[in-house]
PDB file of all heavy atoms in Angstrom:
ATOM      1  N   ASP A   1     -23.735 -75.836  35.965  1.00  0.00           N
ATOM      2  CA  ASP A   1     -23.957 -75.735  37.333  1.00  0.00           C
ATOM      3  C   ASP A   1     -23.134 -74.560  37.842  1.00  0.00           C
ATOM      4  O   ASP A   1     -23.629 -73.689  38.607  1.00  0.00           O
ATOM      5  CB  ASP A   1     -23.723 -76.949  38.164  1.00  0.00           C
ATOM      6  CG  ASP A   1     -24.659 -77.960  37.751  1.00  0.00           C
ATOM      7  OD1 ASP A   1     -25.725 -77.824  37.295  1.00  0.00           O
ATOM      8  OD2 ASP A   1     -24.288 -79.202  38.050  1.00  0.00           O
ATOM      9  N   LEU A   2     -21.949 -74.565  37.533  1.00  0.00           N
ATOM     10  CA  LEU A   2     -21.032 -73.391  38.048  1.00  0.00           C
ATOM     11  C   LEU A   2     -21.415 -72.172  37.429  1.00  0.00           C
ATOM     12  O   LEU A   2     -21.407 -71.118  38.183  1.00  0.00           O
ATOM     13  CB  LEU A   2     -19.446 -73.813  37.706  1.00  0.00           C
ATOM     14  CG  LEU A   2     -18.956 -75.118  38.245  1.00  0.00           C
ATOM     15  CD1 LEU A   2     -17.604 -75.283  37.805  1.00  0.00           C
ATOM     16  CD2 LEU A   2     -19.080 -75.045  39.731  1.00  0.00           C
ATOM     17  N   LYS A   3     -21.780 -71.997  36.178  1.00  0.00           N
ATOM     18  CA  LYS A   3     -22.298 -70.809  35.485  1.00  0.00           C
ATOM     19  C   LYS A   3     -23.596 -70.340  36.200  1.00  0.00           C
ATOM     20  O   LYS A   3     -23.751 -69.132  36.495  1.00  0.00           O
ATOM     21  CB  LYS A   3     -22.378 -71.040  33.995  1.00  0.00           C
ATOM     22  CG  LYS A   3     -22.834 -69.684  33.385  1.00  0.00           C
ATOM     23  CD  LYS A   3     -22.909 -69.940  31.895  1.00  0.00           C
ATOM     24  CE  LYS A   3     -23.306 -68.586  31.130  1.00  0.00           C
ATOM     25  NZ  LYS A   3     -23.938 -67.647  31.778  1.00  0.00           N
ATOM     26  N   ALA A   4     -24.501 -71.278  36.453  1.00  0.00           N
ATOM     27  CA  ALA A   4     -25.730 -70.871  37.118  1.00  0.00           C
ATOM     28  C   ALA A   4     -25.393 -70.274  38.476  1.00  0.00           C
ATOM     29  O   ALA A   4     -26.116 -69.368  38.882  1.00  0.00           O
ATOM     30  CB  ALA A   4     -26.671 -72.224  37.271  1.00  0.00           C
ATOM     31  N   MET A   5     -24.487 -70.806  39.270  1.00  0.00           N
ATOM     32  CA  MET A   5     -24.152 -70.197  40.566  1.00  0.00           C
ATOM     33  C   MET A   5     -23.813 -68.832  40.480  1.00  0.00           C
ATOM     34  O   MET A   5     -24.111 -67.948  41.157  1.00  0.00           O
ATOM     35  CB  MET A   5     -23.070 -71.103  41.253  1.00  0.00           C
ATOM     36  CG  MET A   5     -23.511 -72.310  41.982  1.00  0.00           C
ATOM     37  SD  MET A   5     -22.364 -72.973  43.216  1.00  0.00           S
ATOM     38  CE  MET A   5     -20.824 -72.937  42.362  1.00  0.00           C
ATOM     39  N   ALA A   6     -22.803 -68.647  39.479  1.00  0.00           N
ATOM     40  CA  ALA A   6     -22.299 -67.238  39.222  1.00  0.00           C
ATOM     41  C   ALA A   6     -23.449 -66.264  38.808  1.00  0.00           C
ATOM     42  O   ALA A   6     -23.511 -65.205  39.280  1.00  0.00           O
ATOM     43  CB  ALA A   6     -21.235 -67.264  38.136  1.00  0.00           C
ATOM     44  N   ASP A   7     -24.260 -66.710  37.897  1.00  0.00           N
ATOM     45  CA  ASP A   7     -25.422 -66.082  37.423  1.00  0.00           C
ATOM     46  C   ASP A   7     -26.482 -65.632  38.464  1.00  0.00           C
ATOM     47  O   ASP A   7     -26.854 -64.476  38.597  1.00  0.00           O
ATOM     48  CB  ASP A   7     -26.163 -66.724  36.379  1.00  0.00           C
ATOM     49  CG  ASP A   7     -25.324 -66.796  35.056  1.00  0.00           C
ATOM     50  OD1 ASP A   7     -24.219 -66.038  34.870  1.00  0.00           O
ATOM     51  OD2 ASP A   7     -25.768 -67.566  34.159  1.00  0.00           O
ATOM     52  N   ARG A   8     -26.701 -66.614  39.468  1.00  0.00           N
ATOM     53  CA  ARG A   8     -27.542 -66.349  40.586  1.00  0.00           C
ATOM     54  C   ARG A   8     -26.999 -65.361  41.607  1.00  0.00           C
ATOM     55  O   ARG A   8     -27.738 -64.487  41.993  1.00  0.00           O
ATOM     56  CB  ARG A   8     -27.947 -67.620  41.238  1.00  0.00           C
ATOM     57  CG  ARG A   8     -28.883 -68.596  40.354  1.00  0.00           C
ATOM     58  CD  ARG A   8     -29.181 -69.817  41.133  1.00  0.00           C
ATOM     59  NE  ARG A   8     -30.012 -70.652  40.380  1.00  0.00           N
ATOM     60  CZ  ARG A   8     -30.088 -71.973  40.492  1.00  0.00           C
ATOM     61  NH1 ARG A   8     -29.519 -72.592  41.494  1.00  0.00           N
ATOM     62  NH2 ARG A   8     -30.834 -72.649  39.714  1.00  0.00           N
ATOM     63  N   CYS A   9     -25.795 -65.458  41.748  1.00  0.00           N
ATOM     64  CA  CYS A   9     -25.122 -64.465  42.673  1.00  0.00           C
ATOM     65  C   CYS A   9     -25.194 -63.069  42.139  1.00  0.00           C
ATOM     66  O   CYS A   9     -25.543 -62.122  42.821  1.00  0.00           O
ATOM     67  CB  CYS A   9     -23.678 -64.770  42.882  1.00  0.00           C
ATOM     68  SG  CYS A   9     -23.409 -66.202  43.994  1.00  0.00           S
ATOM     69  N   GLN A  10     -24.916 -62.924  40.869  1.00  0.00           N
ATOM     70  CA  GLN A  10     -24.934 -61.646  40.217  1.00  0.00           C
ATOM     71  C   GLN A  10     -26.409 -61.073  40.191  1.00  0.00           C
ATOM     72  O   GLN A  10     -26.573 -59.973  40.466  1.00  0.00           O
ATOM     73  CB  GLN A  10     -24.378 -61.731  38.827  1.00  0.00           C
ATOM     74  CG  GLN A  10     -24.377 -60.377  37.983  1.00  0.00           C
ATOM     75  CD  GLN A  10     -23.896 -60.513  36.711  1.00  0.00           C
ATOM     76  OE1 GLN A  10     -23.846 -61.647  36.057  1.00  0.00           O
ATOM     77  NE2 GLN A  10     -23.406 -59.360  36.131  1.00  0.00           N
ATOM     78  N   ALA A  11     -27.326 -61.959  39.872  1.00  0.00           N
ATOM     79  CA  ALA A  11     -28.746 -61.570  39.763  1.00  0.00           C
ATOM     80  C   ALA A  11     -29.222 -61.084  41.153  1.00  0.00           C
ATOM     81  O   ALA A  11     -29.922 -60.102  41.294  1.00  0.00           O
ATOM     82  CB  ALA A  11     -29.589 -62.624  39.217  1.00  0.00           C
ATOM     83  N   ALA A  12     -28.831 -61.856  42.161  1.00  0.00           N
ATOM     84  CA  ALA A  12     -29.294 -61.399  43.557  1.00  0.00           C
ATOM     85  C   ALA A  12     -28.651 -60.151  43.995  1.00  0.00           C
ATOM     86  O   ALA A  12     -29.516 -59.282  44.449  1.00  0.00           O
ATOM     87  CB  ALA A  12     -28.843 -62.508  44.589  1.00  0.00           C
ATOM     88  N   VAL A  13     -27.491 -59.772  43.762  1.00  0.00           N
ATOM     89  CA  VAL A  13     -26.819 -58.616  44.143  1.00  0.00           C
ATOM     90  C   VAL A  13     -27.483 -57.418  43.258  1.00  0.00           C
ATOM     91  O   VAL A  13     -27.869 -56.432  43.810  1.00  0.00           O
ATOM     92  CB  VAL A  13     -25.337 -58.631  43.856  1.00  0.00           C
ATOM     93  CG1 VAL A  13     -24.641 -57.181  43.989  1.00  0.00           C
ATOM     94  CG2 VAL A  13     -24.767 -59.552  44.904  1.00  0.00           C
ATOM     95  N   LEU A  14     -27.554 -57.654  41.939  1.00  0.00           N
ATOM     96  CA  LEU A  14     -28.191 -56.611  41.098  1.00  0.00           C
ATOM     97  C   LEU A  14     -29.647 -56.289  41.513  1.00  0.00           C
ATOM     98  O   LEU A  14     -30.108 -55.166  41.490  1.00  0.00           O
ATOM     99  CB  LEU A  14     -28.098 -56.930  39.639  1.00  0.00           C
ATOM    100  CG  LEU A  14     -26.565 -56.848  39.099  1.00  0.00           C
ATOM    101  CD1 LEU A  14     -26.539 -57.388  37.699  1.00  0.00           C
ATOM    102  CD2 LEU A  14     -25.976 -55.499  39.228  1.00  0.00           C
ATOM    103  N   GLY A  15     -30.339 -57.389  41.805  1.00  0.00           N
ATOM    104  CA  GLY A  15     -31.744 -57.288  42.198  1.00  0.00           C
ATOM    105  C   GLY A  15     -31.938 -56.498  43.463  1.00  0.00           C
ATOM    106  O   GLY A  15     -32.813 -55.629  43.546  1.00  0.00           O
ATOM    107  N   ALA A  16     -31.067 -56.789  44.441  1.00  0.00           N
ATOM    108  CA  ALA A  16     -31.242 -56.119  45.759  1.00  0.00           C
ATOM    109  C   ALA A  16     -30.820 -54.557  45.465  1.00  0.00           C
ATOM    110  O   ALA A  16     -31.512 -53.773  46.163  1.00  0.00           O
ATOM    111  CB  ALA A  16     -30.212 -56.707  46.653  1.00  0.00           C
ATOM    112  N   ALA A  17     -29.864 -54.364  44.750  1.00  0.00           N
ATOM    113  CA  ALA A  17     -29.457 -52.887  44.517  1.00  0.00           C
ATOM    114  C   ALA A  17     -30.552 -52.184  43.835  1.00  0.00           C
ATOM    115  O   ALA A  17     -30.917 -51.030  44.214  1.00  0.00           O
ATOM    116  CB  ALA A  17     -28.127 -52.890  43.711  1.00  0.00           C
ATOM    117  N   LYS A  18     -31.083 -52.857  42.774  1.00  0.00           N
ATOM    118  CA  LYS A  18     -32.309 -52.136  42.022  1.00  0.00           C
ATOM    119  C   LYS A  18     -33.496 -51.954  42.985  1.00  0.00           C
ATOM    120  O   LYS A  18     -34.061 -50.827  42.951  1.00  0.00           O
ATOM    121  CB  LYS A  18     -32.617 -53.016  40.854  1.00  0.00           C
ATOM    122  CG  LYS A  18     -33.724 -52.278  40.023  1.00  0.00           C
ATOM    123  CD  LYS A  18     -34.028 -53.183  38.751  1.00  0.00           C
ATOM    124  CE  LYS A  18     -35.113 -52.459  37.944  1.00  0.00           C
ATOM    125  NZ  LYS A  18     -35.515 -53.199  36.745  1.00  0.00           N
ATOM    126  N   ALA A  19     -33.811 -52.923  43.741  1.00  0.00           N
ATOM    127  CA  ALA A  19     -34.900 -52.728  44.588  1.00  0.00           C
ATOM    128  C   ALA A  19     -34.740 -51.546  45.612  1.00  0.00           C
ATOM    129  O   ALA A  19     -35.652 -50.850  45.935  1.00  0.00           O
ATOM    130  CB  ALA A  19     -35.280 -54.005  45.367  1.00  0.00           C
ATOM    131  N   THR A  20     -33.541 -51.504  46.193  1.00  0.00           N
ATOM    132  CA  THR A  20     -33.154 -50.405  47.100  1.00  0.00           C
ATOM    133  C   THR A  20     -33.205 -49.141  46.495  1.00  0.00           C
ATOM    134  O   THR A  20     -33.819 -48.105  47.038  1.00  0.00           O
ATOM    135  CB  THR A  20     -31.797 -50.701  47.803  1.00  0.00           C
ATOM    136  OG1 THR A  20     -31.838 -51.960  48.363  1.00  0.00           O
ATOM    137  CG2 THR A  20     -31.469 -49.735  48.789  1.00  0.00           C
ATOM    138  N   ASN A  21     -32.777 -49.001  45.281  1.00  0.00           N
ATOM    139  CA  ASN A  21     -32.869 -47.686  44.588  1.00  0.00           C
ATOM    140  C   ASN A  21     -34.252 -47.356  44.202  1.00  0.00           C
ATOM    141  O   ASN A  21     -34.707 -46.105  44.464  1.00  0.00           O
ATOM    142  CB  ASN A  21     -32.110 -47.836  43.156  1.00  0.00           C
ATOM    143  CG  ASN A  21     -30.679 -47.723  43.431  1.00  0.00           C
ATOM    144  OD1 ASN A  21     -29.983 -47.275  44.382  1.00  0.00           O
ATOM    145  ND2 ASN A  21     -29.850 -48.437  42.450  1.00  0.00           N
ATOM    146  N   GLU A  22     -35.093 -48.213  43.938  1.00  0.00           N
ATOM    147  CA  GLU A  22     -36.541 -47.982  43.701  1.00  0.00           C
ATOM    148  C   GLU A  22     -37.257 -47.577  45.038  1.00  0.00           C
ATOM    149  O   GLU A  22     -38.105 -46.682  44.976  1.00  0.00           O
ATOM    150  CB  GLU A  22     -37.289 -49.253  43.158  1.00  0.00           C
ATOM    151  CG  GLU A  22     -36.821 -49.620  41.718  1.00  0.00           C
ATOM    152  CD  GLU A  22     -37.201 -48.636  40.693  1.00  0.00           C
ATOM    153  OE1 GLU A  22     -38.281 -47.893  40.898  1.00  0.00           O
ATOM    154  OE2 GLU A  22     -36.453 -48.463  39.691  1.00  0.00           O
ATOM    155  N   TYR A  23     -36.751 -48.133  46.054  1.00  0.00           N
ATOM    156  CA  TYR A  23     -37.320 -47.765  47.417  1.00  0.00           C
ATOM    157  C   TYR A  23     -36.998 -46.310  47.747  1.00  0.00           C
ATOM    158  O   TYR A  23     -37.896 -45.502  48.193  1.00  0.00           O
ATOM    159  CB  TYR A  23     -36.843 -48.661  48.488  1.00  0.00           C
ATOM    160  CG  TYR A  23     -37.095 -48.370  49.960  1.00  0.00           C
ATOM    161  CD1 TYR A  23     -38.344 -48.601  50.449  1.00  0.00           C
ATOM    162  CD2 TYR A  23     -36.168 -47.592  50.594  1.00  0.00           C
ATOM    163  CE1 TYR A  23     -38.640 -48.209  51.737  1.00  0.00           C
ATOM    164  CE2 TYR A  23     -36.431 -47.204  51.970  1.00  0.00           C
ATOM    165  CZ  TYR A  23     -37.635 -47.540  52.539  1.00  0.00           C
ATOM    166  OH  TYR A  23     -37.938 -47.150  53.764  1.00  0.00           O
ATOM    167  N   VAL A  24     -35.763 -45.979  47.527  1.00  0.00           N
ATOM    168  CA  VAL A  24     -35.250 -44.604  47.707  1.00  0.00           C
ATOM    169  C   VAL A  24     -36.127 -43.614  46.788  1.00  0.00           C
ATOM    170  O   VAL A  24     -36.521 -42.531  47.299  1.00  0.00           O
ATOM    171  CB  VAL A  24     -33.722 -44.469  47.554  1.00  0.00           C
ATOM    172  CG1 VAL A  24     -33.252 -43.042  47.572  1.00  0.00           C
ATOM    173  CG2 VAL A  24     -32.981 -45.193  48.617  1.00  0.00           C
ATOM    174  N   GLN A  25     -36.187 -44.002  45.551  1.00  0.00           N
ATOM    175  CA  GLN A  25     -36.953 -43.220  44.672  1.00  0.00           C
ATOM    176  C   GLN A  25     -38.455 -42.856  45.140  1.00  0.00           C
ATOM    177  O   GLN A  25     -39.000 -41.843  45.050  1.00  0.00           O
ATOM    178  CB  GLN A  25     -36.992 -43.702  43.236  1.00  0.00           C
ATOM    179  CG  GLN A  25     -35.551 -43.571  42.549  1.00  0.00           C
ATOM    180  CD  GLN A  25     -35.265 -41.991  42.415  1.00  0.00           C
ATOM    181  OE1 GLN A  25     -36.011 -41.143  42.228  1.00  0.00           O
ATOM    182  NE2 GLN A  25     -33.932 -41.828  42.467  1.00  0.00           N
ATOM    183  N   GLY A  26     -39.080 -44.022  45.568  1.00  0.00           N
ATOM    184  CA  GLY A  26     -40.441 -43.985  46.148  1.00  0.00           C
ATOM    185  C   GLY A  26     -40.397 -43.020  47.407  1.00  0.00           C
ATOM    186  O   GLY A  26     -41.423 -42.216  47.459  1.00  0.00           O
TER     187      GLY A  26
END
C-alpha cells in the first residue's frame, strides 16, 4: 500500500508534466 501511494504520486506528477509539455508543443 505504501509503495502504491508513492508510485501514484510519482505517476501523477510525471503525467501532468508530460501533458503540459505536449500542450506547449501543440
